[in-house]
Amino acid sequence: MKTLVAYFSASGETARLAKTLARAAQADLYEIRPAQPYTAADLNWHDNQSRSSVEMKDPACRPAIAGDAPDLTAYDTVFVGFPIWWYQAPRIIETFLASCDFSGKRVVPFATSGGSGMGRTEEILQKACPSKVRWLPGRRLDSRASLDTLHDWLQALQIHQK
């Protein structure tokens, strides 16, 4: 029974949380990297023409991922982490979910945010993932969540560390 923590991080906040979660769950780590990295201008949510604004306005947008998708055959649980953009996961997360075979896996979304909740994120992600998976309840967490907080969450999800 292996666990993978896959994450996309534009500013480093989600990366910090993902690394702590991987330690707590004794999991492997995979970074979802965009083929075209985001610049500060791309992430300016005050600019309606910024790349992130344009992507989030288009539900069909699927930004390309750099490198190969991970081989999930060895994993039974996959945590998928991301920042909240416009009350949902960035479109690259939908690209990731569609590019891997999650059949038979438990998938757990987790997010960081400056204050927004997860909105309809879980519903959107479930539609984006063509595989038959068992979705576990996601959670928005502080990027500096402690190991104890994450251990408690894992216990509540009934995900046991090695």
N, C-alpha and C. Protein backbone atom coordinates (compact mmCIF):
# COMPACT_ATOMS: atom_id res chain seq x y z
N MET A 1 0.85 -1.18 0.00
CA MET A 1 0.00 0.00 0.00
C MET A 1 0.89 1.23 0.00
N LYS A 2 0.97 1.88 -1.15
CA LYS A 2 1.80 3.06 -1.27
C LYS A 2 0.93 4.28 -1.53
N THR A 3 1.46 5.42 -1.13
CA THR A 3 0.76 6.69 -1.29
C THR A 3 1.63 7.64 -2.09
N LEU A 4 0.98 8.42 -2.95
CA LEU A 4 1.65 9.46 -3.72
C LEU A 4 1.00 10.80 -3.39
N VAL A 5 1.83 11.81 -3.20
CA VAL A 5 1.35 13.18 -3.07
C VAL A 5 1.77 13.90 -4.35
N ALA A 6 0.79 14.20 -5.21
CA ALA A 6 1.03 14.95 -6.45
C ALA A 6 0.52 16.36 -6.22
N TYR A 7 1.29 17.35 -6.68
CA TYR A 7 0.87 18.72 -6.39
C TYR A 7 1.31 19.67 -7.50
N PHE A 8 0.55 20.74 -7.64
CA PHE A 8 0.91 21.88 -8.48
C PHE A 8 1.03 23.07 -7.54
N SER A 9 2.12 23.82 -7.70
CA SER A 9 2.34 25.00 -6.86
C SER A 9 2.88 26.13 -7.71
N ALA A 10 2.18 27.24 -7.73
CA ALA A 10 2.62 28.39 -8.52
C ALA A 10 3.54 29.31 -7.72
N SER A 11 3.34 29.37 -6.41
CA SER A 11 4.10 30.32 -5.59
C SER A 11 4.98 29.66 -4.53
N GLY A 12 4.86 28.35 -4.37
CA GLY A 12 5.64 27.65 -3.35
C GLY A 12 4.84 27.27 -2.11
N GLU A 13 3.68 27.87 -1.92
CA GLU A 13 2.87 27.58 -0.72
C GLU A 13 2.35 26.14 -0.74
N THR A 14 1.79 25.73 -1.88
CA THR A 14 1.26 24.36 -1.98
C THR A 14 2.41 23.35 -1.93
N ALA A 15 3.56 23.71 -2.50
CA ALA A 15 4.73 22.82 -2.44
C ALA A 15 5.13 22.56 -0.99
N ARG A 16 5.13 23.62 -0.17
CA ARG A 16 5.49 23.48 1.24
C ARG A 16 4.55 22.48 1.92
N LEU A 17 3.25 22.65 1.71
CA LEU A 17 2.27 21.76 2.31
C LEU A 17 2.42 20.33 1.78
N ALA A 18 2.61 20.19 0.48
CA ALA A 18 2.74 18.86 -0.12
C ALA A 18 3.92 18.09 0.46
N LYS A 19 5.03 18.79 0.65
CA LYS A 19 6.22 18.13 1.21
C LYS A 19 5.98 17.69 2.65
N THR A 20 5.28 18.49 3.42
CA THR A 20 4.96 18.11 4.80
C THR A 20 3.98 16.93 4.81
N LEU A 21 2.99 16.98 3.93
CA LEU A 21 2.03 15.88 3.83
C LEU A 21 2.72 14.59 3.42
N ALA A 22 3.65 14.67 2.48
CA ALA A 22 4.38 13.47 2.06
C ALA A 22 5.16 12.88 3.23
N ARG A 23 5.74 13.75 4.06
CA ARG A 23 6.43 13.25 5.27
C ARG A 23 5.45 12.58 6.21
N ALA A 24 4.31 13.23 6.45
CA ALA A 24 3.32 12.69 7.38
C ALA A 24 2.78 11.35 6.92
N ALA A 25 2.56 11.22 5.61
CA ALA A 25 1.98 9.98 5.06
C ALA A 25 3.04 8.98 4.62
N GLN A 26 4.31 9.35 4.78
CA GLN A 26 5.43 8.53 4.30
C GLN A 26 5.17 8.16 2.84
N ALA A 27 4.87 9.20 2.05
CA ALA A 27 4.48 9.05 0.66
C ALA A 27 5.55 9.53 -0.29
N ASP A 28 5.45 9.09 -1.53
CA ASP A 28 6.29 9.63 -2.59
C ASP A 28 5.71 10.98 -3.01
N LEU A 29 6.53 11.77 -3.68
CA LEU A 29 6.15 13.13 -4.06
C LEU A 29 6.32 13.29 -5.57
N TYR A 30 5.34 13.94 -6.21
CA TYR A 30 5.40 14.23 -7.65
C TYR A 30 4.92 15.66 -7.86
N GLU A 31 5.74 16.47 -8.52
CA GLU A 31 5.34 17.84 -8.81
C GLU A 31 4.71 17.91 -10.20
N ILE A 32 3.51 18.44 -10.26
CA ILE A 32 2.82 18.69 -11.53
C ILE A 32 3.35 20.03 -12.03
N ARG A 33 4.20 19.99 -13.04
CA ARG A 33 4.83 21.21 -13.55
C ARG A 33 4.23 21.58 -14.90
N PRO A 34 3.87 22.83 -15.09
CA PRO A 34 3.34 23.24 -16.39
C PRO A 34 4.43 23.24 -17.45
N ALA A 35 4.08 22.85 -18.68
CA ALA A 35 5.04 22.87 -19.78
C ALA A 35 5.55 24.29 -19.99
N GLN A 36 4.69 25.26 -19.82
CA GLN A 36 5.08 26.67 -19.88
C GLN A 36 4.93 27.23 -18.47
N PRO A 37 6.05 27.45 -17.76
CA PRO A 37 5.97 27.95 -16.38
C PRO A 37 5.20 29.27 -16.30
N TYR A 38 4.55 29.47 -15.18
CA TYR A 38 3.79 30.70 -14.93
C TYR A 38 4.73 31.80 -14.45
N THR A 39 4.57 32.99 -15.01
CA THR A 39 5.31 34.16 -14.55
C THR A 39 4.44 34.91 -13.55
N ALA A 40 5.03 35.88 -12.89
CA ALA A 40 4.24 36.71 -11.96
C ALA A 40 3.10 37.40 -12.71
N ALA A 41 3.36 37.87 -13.92
CA ALA A 41 2.31 38.53 -14.71
C ALA A 41 1.19 37.53 -15.05
N ASP A 42 1.56 36.28 -15.33
CA ASP A 42 0.56 35.25 -15.63
C ASP A 42 -0.39 35.02 -14.46
N LEU A 43 0.11 35.20 -13.25
CA LEU A 43 -0.65 34.91 -12.04
C LEU A 43 -1.41 36.12 -11.49
N ASN A 44 -1.35 37.25 -12.17
CA ASN A 44 -2.00 38.47 -11.69
C ASN A 44 -3.51 38.36 -11.85
N TRP A 45 -4.19 37.99 -10.80
CA TRP A 45 -5.64 37.78 -10.88
C TRP A 45 -6.41 39.10 -10.98
N HIS A 46 -5.73 40.22 -10.79
CA HIS A 46 -6.37 41.53 -10.99
C HIS A 46 -6.46 41.90 -12.48
N ASP A 47 -5.68 41.21 -13.31
CA ASP A 47 -5.64 41.46 -14.75
C ASP A 47 -6.50 40.42 -15.46
N ASN A 48 -7.62 40.86 -16.04
CA ASN A 48 -8.52 39.94 -16.73
C ASN A 48 -7.88 39.25 -17.93
N GLN A 49 -6.77 39.80 -18.42
CA GLN A 49 -6.09 39.21 -19.57
C GLN A 49 -4.87 38.37 -19.18
N SER A 50 -4.61 38.24 -17.88
CA SER A 50 -3.47 37.42 -17.46
C SER A 50 -3.75 35.96 -17.84
N ARG A 51 -2.70 35.20 -17.99
CA ARG A 51 -2.85 33.80 -18.40
C ARG A 51 -3.76 33.02 -17.45
N SER A 52 -3.56 33.18 -16.15
CA SER A 52 -4.39 32.42 -15.20
C SER A 52 -5.85 32.85 -15.28
N SER A 53 -6.11 34.13 -15.47
CA SER A 53 -7.49 34.62 -15.59
C SER A 53 -8.16 34.04 -16.83
N VAL A 54 -7.44 34.06 -17.94
CA VAL A 54 -7.98 33.52 -19.20
C VAL A 54 -8.25 32.02 -19.07
N GLU A 55 -7.29 31.28 -18.50
CA GLU A 55 -7.47 29.84 -18.32
C GLU A 55 -8.69 29.52 -17.46
N MET A 56 -8.84 30.25 -16.37
CA MET A 56 -9.91 29.93 -15.43
C MET A 56 -11.29 30.31 -15.98
N LYS A 57 -11.34 31.23 -16.93
CA LYS A 57 -12.62 31.59 -17.55
C LYS A 57 -13.07 30.54 -18.57
N ASP A 58 -12.16 29.66 -18.99
CA ASP A 58 -12.45 28.66 -20.01
C ASP A 58 -12.47 27.26 -19.40
N PRO A 59 -13.66 26.72 -19.13
CA PRO A 59 -13.74 25.39 -18.50
C PRO A 59 -13.09 24.27 -19.33
N ALA A 60 -12.90 24.48 -20.62
CA ALA A 60 -12.30 23.46 -21.48
C ALA A 60 -10.78 23.59 -21.56
N CYS A 61 -10.21 24.62 -20.98
CA CYS A 61 -8.77 24.84 -21.03
C CYS A 61 -8.04 23.72 -20.28
N ARG A 62 -7.00 23.17 -20.91
CA ARG A 62 -6.19 22.13 -20.28
C ARG A 62 -4.71 22.43 -20.53
N PRO A 63 -4.09 23.24 -19.66
CA PRO A 63 -2.67 23.56 -19.83
C PRO A 63 -1.81 22.29 -19.84
N ALA A 64 -0.83 22.28 -20.71
CA ALA A 64 0.04 21.11 -20.84
C ALA A 64 0.94 20.96 -19.62
N ILE A 65 1.25 19.71 -19.32
CA ILE A 65 2.14 19.36 -18.20
C ILE A 65 3.51 19.02 -18.75
N ALA A 66 4.56 19.49 -18.09
CA ALA A 66 5.94 19.17 -18.48
C ALA A 66 6.28 17.75 -18.04
N GLY A 67 7.00 17.05 -18.88
CA GLY A 67 7.47 15.72 -18.52
C GLY A 67 6.38 14.66 -18.60
N ASP A 68 6.75 13.47 -18.18
CA ASP A 68 5.84 12.33 -18.23
C ASP A 68 4.94 12.30 -17.00
N ALA A 69 3.74 11.80 -17.20
CA ALA A 69 2.83 11.58 -16.07
C ALA A 69 3.39 10.44 -15.22
N PRO A 70 3.13 10.46 -13.94
CA PRO A 70 3.65 9.38 -13.09
C PRO A 70 2.94 8.06 -13.36
N ASP A 71 3.65 6.97 -13.16
CA ASP A 71 3.05 5.64 -13.25
C ASP A 71 2.40 5.36 -11.90
N LEU A 72 1.08 5.23 -11.89
CA LEU A 72 0.35 5.08 -10.63
C LEU A 72 0.10 3.63 -10.23
N THR A 73 0.60 2.67 -10.98
CA THR A 73 0.27 1.28 -10.70
C THR A 73 0.65 0.84 -9.29
N ALA A 74 1.69 1.37 -8.72
CA ALA A 74 2.16 0.95 -7.39
C ALA A 74 1.40 1.63 -6.24
N TYR A 75 0.53 2.58 -6.56
CA TYR A 75 -0.12 3.39 -5.51
C TYR A 75 -1.58 3.00 -5.33
N ASP A 76 -2.02 3.01 -4.09
CA ASP A 76 -3.45 2.81 -3.83
C ASP A 76 -4.13 4.12 -3.45
N THR A 77 -3.34 5.11 -2.99
CA THR A 77 -3.88 6.40 -2.61
C THR A 77 -3.05 7.50 -3.26
N VAL A 78 -3.76 8.48 -3.86
CA VAL A 78 -3.09 9.62 -4.47
C VAL A 78 -3.72 10.90 -3.93
N PHE A 79 -2.91 11.69 -3.24
CA PHE A 79 -3.33 13.03 -2.82
C PHE A 79 -3.01 13.97 -3.99
N VAL A 80 -3.93 14.85 -4.30
CA VAL A 80 -3.72 15.81 -5.39
C VAL A 80 -3.87 17.21 -4.80
N GLY A 81 -2.77 17.98 -4.81
CA GLY A 81 -2.76 19.28 -4.17
C GLY A 81 -2.59 20.43 -5.14
N PHE A 82 -3.12 21.58 -4.76
CA PHE A 82 -3.14 22.75 -5.63
C PHE A 82 -3.55 23.98 -4.84
N PRO A 83 -3.22 25.17 -5.37
CA PRO A 83 -3.78 26.39 -4.79
C PRO A 83 -5.21 26.57 -5.31
N ILE A 84 -6.02 27.29 -4.59
CA ILE A 84 -7.36 27.62 -5.06
C ILE A 84 -7.27 28.87 -5.94
N TRP A 85 -7.77 28.74 -7.16
CA TRP A 85 -7.86 29.86 -8.09
C TRP A 85 -9.33 30.04 -8.44
N TRP A 86 -9.89 31.18 -8.19
CA TRP A 86 -11.28 31.47 -8.54
C TRP A 86 -12.21 30.38 -7.96
N TYR A 87 -11.99 30.04 -6.71
CA TYR A 87 -12.81 29.09 -5.95
C TYR A 87 -12.76 27.66 -6.49
N GLN A 88 -11.71 27.31 -7.19
CA GLN A 88 -11.55 25.93 -7.66
C GLN A 88 -10.09 25.64 -7.96
N ALA A 89 -9.82 24.41 -8.37
CA ALA A 89 -8.45 24.02 -8.71
C ALA A 89 -8.05 24.65 -10.05
N PRO A 90 -6.77 24.99 -10.21
CA PRO A 90 -6.30 25.47 -11.51
C PRO A 90 -6.55 24.41 -12.59
N ARG A 91 -6.75 24.84 -13.81
CA ARG A 91 -7.09 23.93 -14.92
C ARG A 91 -6.04 22.83 -15.13
N ILE A 92 -4.78 23.09 -14.78
CA ILE A 92 -3.74 22.08 -14.96
C ILE A 92 -4.04 20.82 -14.13
N ILE A 93 -4.80 20.95 -13.07
CA ILE A 93 -5.16 19.78 -12.26
C ILE A 93 -6.11 18.88 -13.06
N GLU A 94 -7.00 19.49 -13.83
CA GLU A 94 -7.88 18.70 -14.69
C GLU A 94 -7.06 17.98 -15.77
N THR A 95 -6.03 18.65 -16.30
CA THR A 95 -5.12 18.01 -17.26
C THR A 95 -4.49 16.78 -16.62
N PHE A 96 -4.00 16.95 -15.40
CA PHE A 96 -3.35 15.85 -14.68
C PHE A 96 -4.30 14.68 -14.45
N LEU A 97 -5.50 14.96 -14.00
CA LEU A 97 -6.46 13.90 -13.72
C LEU A 97 -6.83 13.12 -14.98
N ALA A 98 -6.91 13.81 -16.10
CA ALA A 98 -7.26 13.15 -17.36
C ALA A 98 -6.08 12.38 -17.97
N SER A 99 -4.86 12.70 -17.54
CA SER A 99 -3.68 12.11 -18.16
C SER A 99 -3.17 10.84 -17.48
N CYS A 100 -3.75 10.49 -16.36
CA CYS A 100 -3.29 9.32 -15.60
C CYS A 100 -4.44 8.33 -15.43
N ASP A 101 -4.07 7.07 -15.22
CA ASP A 101 -5.08 6.05 -14.94
C ASP A 101 -5.20 5.89 -13.43
N PHE A 102 -6.28 6.42 -12.90
CA PHE A 102 -6.52 6.36 -11.46
C PHE A 102 -7.44 5.20 -11.08
N SER A 103 -7.70 4.31 -12.00
CA SER A 103 -8.64 3.21 -11.75
C SER A 103 -8.30 2.47 -10.47
N GLY A 104 -9.29 2.32 -9.61
CA GLY A 104 -9.13 1.59 -8.36
C GLY A 104 -8.39 2.33 -7.26
N LYS A 105 -8.03 3.57 -7.50
CA LYS A 105 -7.28 4.34 -6.50
C LYS A 105 -8.21 5.13 -5.60
N ARG A 106 -7.71 5.48 -4.43
CA ARG A 106 -8.35 6.48 -3.59
C ARG A 106 -7.69 7.80 -3.94
N VAL A 107 -8.50 8.81 -4.23
CA VAL A 107 -7.97 10.13 -4.59
C VAL A 107 -8.47 11.13 -3.55
N VAL A 108 -7.53 11.93 -3.03
CA VAL A 108 -7.85 12.91 -2.00
C VAL A 108 -7.33 14.28 -2.42
N PRO A 109 -8.23 15.21 -2.75
CA PRO A 109 -7.77 16.56 -3.08
C PRO A 109 -7.41 17.34 -1.82
N PHE A 110 -6.42 18.20 -1.95
CA PHE A 110 -6.10 19.13 -0.86
C PHE A 110 -5.65 20.44 -1.49
N ALA A 111 -5.89 21.53 -0.78
CA ALA A 111 -5.64 22.83 -1.36
C ALA A 111 -5.10 23.82 -0.34
N THR A 112 -4.41 24.82 -0.87
CA THR A 112 -4.01 25.98 -0.10
C THR A 112 -4.77 27.17 -0.66
N SER A 113 -4.96 28.18 0.16
CA SER A 113 -5.68 29.37 -0.28
C SER A 113 -5.42 30.50 0.69
N GLY A 114 -5.46 31.69 0.15
CA GLY A 114 -5.32 32.86 0.98
C GLY A 114 -6.56 33.15 1.81
N GLY A 115 -7.63 32.43 1.58
CA GLY A 115 -8.85 32.65 2.35
C GLY A 115 -10.07 32.00 1.73
N SER A 116 -10.00 31.66 0.45
CA SER A 116 -11.14 31.04 -0.22
C SER A 116 -11.28 29.59 0.20
N GLY A 117 -12.52 29.13 0.23
CA GLY A 117 -12.78 27.72 0.44
C GLY A 117 -12.59 26.96 -0.86
N MET A 118 -12.95 25.69 -0.87
CA MET A 118 -12.77 24.86 -2.05
C MET A 118 -13.91 24.98 -3.06
N GLY A 119 -14.98 25.69 -2.69
CA GLY A 119 -16.08 25.88 -3.63
C GLY A 119 -16.57 24.56 -4.21
N ARG A 120 -16.71 24.51 -5.53
CA ARG A 120 -17.19 23.30 -6.22
C ARG A 120 -16.03 22.45 -6.72
N THR A 121 -14.86 22.66 -6.17
CA THR A 121 -13.65 21.99 -6.65
C THR A 121 -13.80 20.48 -6.76
N GLU A 122 -14.28 19.84 -5.72
CA GLU A 122 -14.34 18.38 -5.74
C GLU A 122 -15.27 17.88 -6.83
N GLU A 123 -16.41 18.53 -6.99
CA GLU A 123 -17.36 18.15 -8.05
C GLU A 123 -16.72 18.30 -9.43
N ILE A 124 -16.02 19.40 -9.66
CA ILE A 124 -15.36 19.65 -10.95
C ILE A 124 -14.28 18.61 -11.20
N LEU A 125 -13.48 18.31 -10.19
CA LEU A 125 -12.39 17.35 -10.37
C LEU A 125 -12.92 15.94 -10.62
N GLN A 126 -13.98 15.57 -9.96
CA GLN A 126 -14.55 14.23 -10.18
C GLN A 126 -15.01 14.07 -11.62
N LYS A 127 -15.56 15.12 -12.20
CA LYS A 127 -15.99 15.06 -13.61
C LYS A 127 -14.80 15.01 -14.55
N ALA A 128 -13.68 15.59 -14.15
CA ALA A 128 -12.49 15.65 -15.01
C ALA A 128 -11.70 14.34 -15.01
N CYS A 129 -11.96 13.48 -14.06
CA CYS A 129 -11.20 12.23 -13.92
C CYS A 129 -12.01 11.09 -14.52
N PRO A 130 -11.59 10.58 -15.68
CA PRO A 130 -12.37 9.53 -16.34
C PRO A 130 -12.29 8.16 -15.67
N SER A 131 -11.30 7.96 -14.82
CA SER A 131 -11.12 6.67 -14.15
C SER A 131 -12.16 6.46 -13.07
N LYS A 132 -12.42 5.20 -12.76
CA LYS A 132 -13.29 4.87 -11.63
C LYS A 132 -12.43 4.89 -10.38
N VAL A 133 -12.67 5.88 -9.53
CA VAL A 133 -11.87 6.04 -8.32
C VAL A 133 -12.79 6.18 -7.12
N ARG A 134 -12.19 6.03 -5.97
CA ARG A 134 -12.90 6.30 -4.71
C ARG A 134 -12.40 7.64 -4.21
N TRP A 135 -13.24 8.64 -4.31
CA TRP A 135 -12.87 9.98 -3.86
C TRP A 135 -13.07 10.09 -2.35
N LEU A 136 -12.06 10.57 -1.66
CA LEU A 136 -12.18 10.85 -0.24
C LEU A 136 -12.33 12.35 -0.07
N PRO A 137 -12.95 12.80 1.02
CA PRO A 137 -13.20 14.23 1.20
C PRO A 137 -11.91 15.05 1.20
N GLY A 138 -11.92 16.10 0.41
CA GLY A 138 -10.77 17.00 0.34
C GLY A 138 -10.78 18.01 1.46
N ARG A 139 -9.72 18.78 1.51
CA ARG A 139 -9.60 19.75 2.59
C ARG A 139 -8.69 20.90 2.17
N ARG A 140 -9.08 22.10 2.57
CA ARG A 140 -8.20 23.26 2.42
C ARG A 140 -7.38 23.35 3.70
N LEU A 141 -6.08 23.48 3.53
CA LEU A 141 -5.17 23.51 4.67
C LEU A 141 -4.24 24.71 4.56
N ASP A 142 -3.74 25.13 5.69
CA ASP A 142 -2.72 26.17 5.72
C ASP A 142 -1.44 25.57 5.16
N SER A 143 -0.71 26.35 4.36
CA SER A 143 0.52 25.84 3.76
C SER A 143 1.56 25.46 4.81
N ARG A 144 1.40 25.99 6.02
CA ARG A 144 2.33 25.68 7.10
C ARG A 144 1.73 24.71 8.12
N ALA A 145 0.77 23.90 7.67
CA ALA A 145 0.14 22.93 8.58
C ALA A 145 1.22 22.03 9.20
N SER A 146 1.02 21.72 10.46
CA SER A 146 2.00 20.91 11.19
C SER A 146 1.85 19.43 10.86
N LEU A 147 2.91 18.67 11.16
CA LEU A 147 2.84 17.22 11.00
C LEU A 147 1.69 16.64 11.82
N ASP A 148 1.49 17.16 13.03
CA ASP A 148 0.41 16.66 13.88
C ASP A 148 -0.95 16.89 13.23
N THR A 149 -1.16 18.08 12.67
CA THR A 149 -2.43 18.37 11.98
C THR A 149 -2.64 17.39 10.83
N LEU A 150 -1.59 17.14 10.06
CA LEU A 150 -1.71 16.24 8.91
C LEU A 150 -1.88 14.79 9.35
N HIS A 151 -1.20 14.39 10.43
CA HIS A 151 -1.41 13.04 10.97
C HIS A 151 -2.87 12.86 11.39
N ASP A 152 -3.44 13.88 12.05
CA ASP A 152 -4.85 13.82 12.46
C ASP A 152 -5.77 13.67 11.26
N TRP A 153 -5.47 14.42 10.19
CA TRP A 153 -6.29 14.33 8.97
C TRP A 153 -6.18 12.94 8.35
N LEU A 154 -4.96 12.42 8.26
CA LEU A 154 -4.76 11.08 7.71
C LEU A 154 -5.52 10.04 8.52
N GLN A 155 -5.50 10.19 9.84
CA GLN A 155 -6.21 9.26 10.70
C GLN A 155 -7.72 9.36 10.46
N ALA A 156 -8.23 10.58 10.32
CA ALA A 156 -9.66 10.77 10.06
C ALA A 156 -10.06 10.16 8.71
N LEU A 157 -9.15 10.20 7.74
CA LEU A 157 -9.41 9.60 6.43
C LEU A 157 -9.19 8.08 6.45
N GLN A 158 -8.68 7.59 7.54
CA GLN A 158 -8.32 6.18 7.70
C GLN A 158 -7.24 5.77 6.70
N ILE A 159 -6.28 6.69 6.53
CA ILE A 159 -5.10 6.39 5.72
C ILE A 159 -3.96 6.20 6.69
N HIS A 160 -3.47 5.01 6.72
CA HIS A 160 -2.46 4.65 7.70
C HIS A 160 -1.07 4.80 7.11
N GLN A 161 -0.19 5.39 7.86
CA GLN A 161 1.19 5.54 7.43
C GLN A 161 1.88 4.17 7.54
N LYS A 162 2.96 4.02 6.79
CA LYS A 162 3.73 2.76 6.80
C LYS A 162 4.23 2.44 8.20
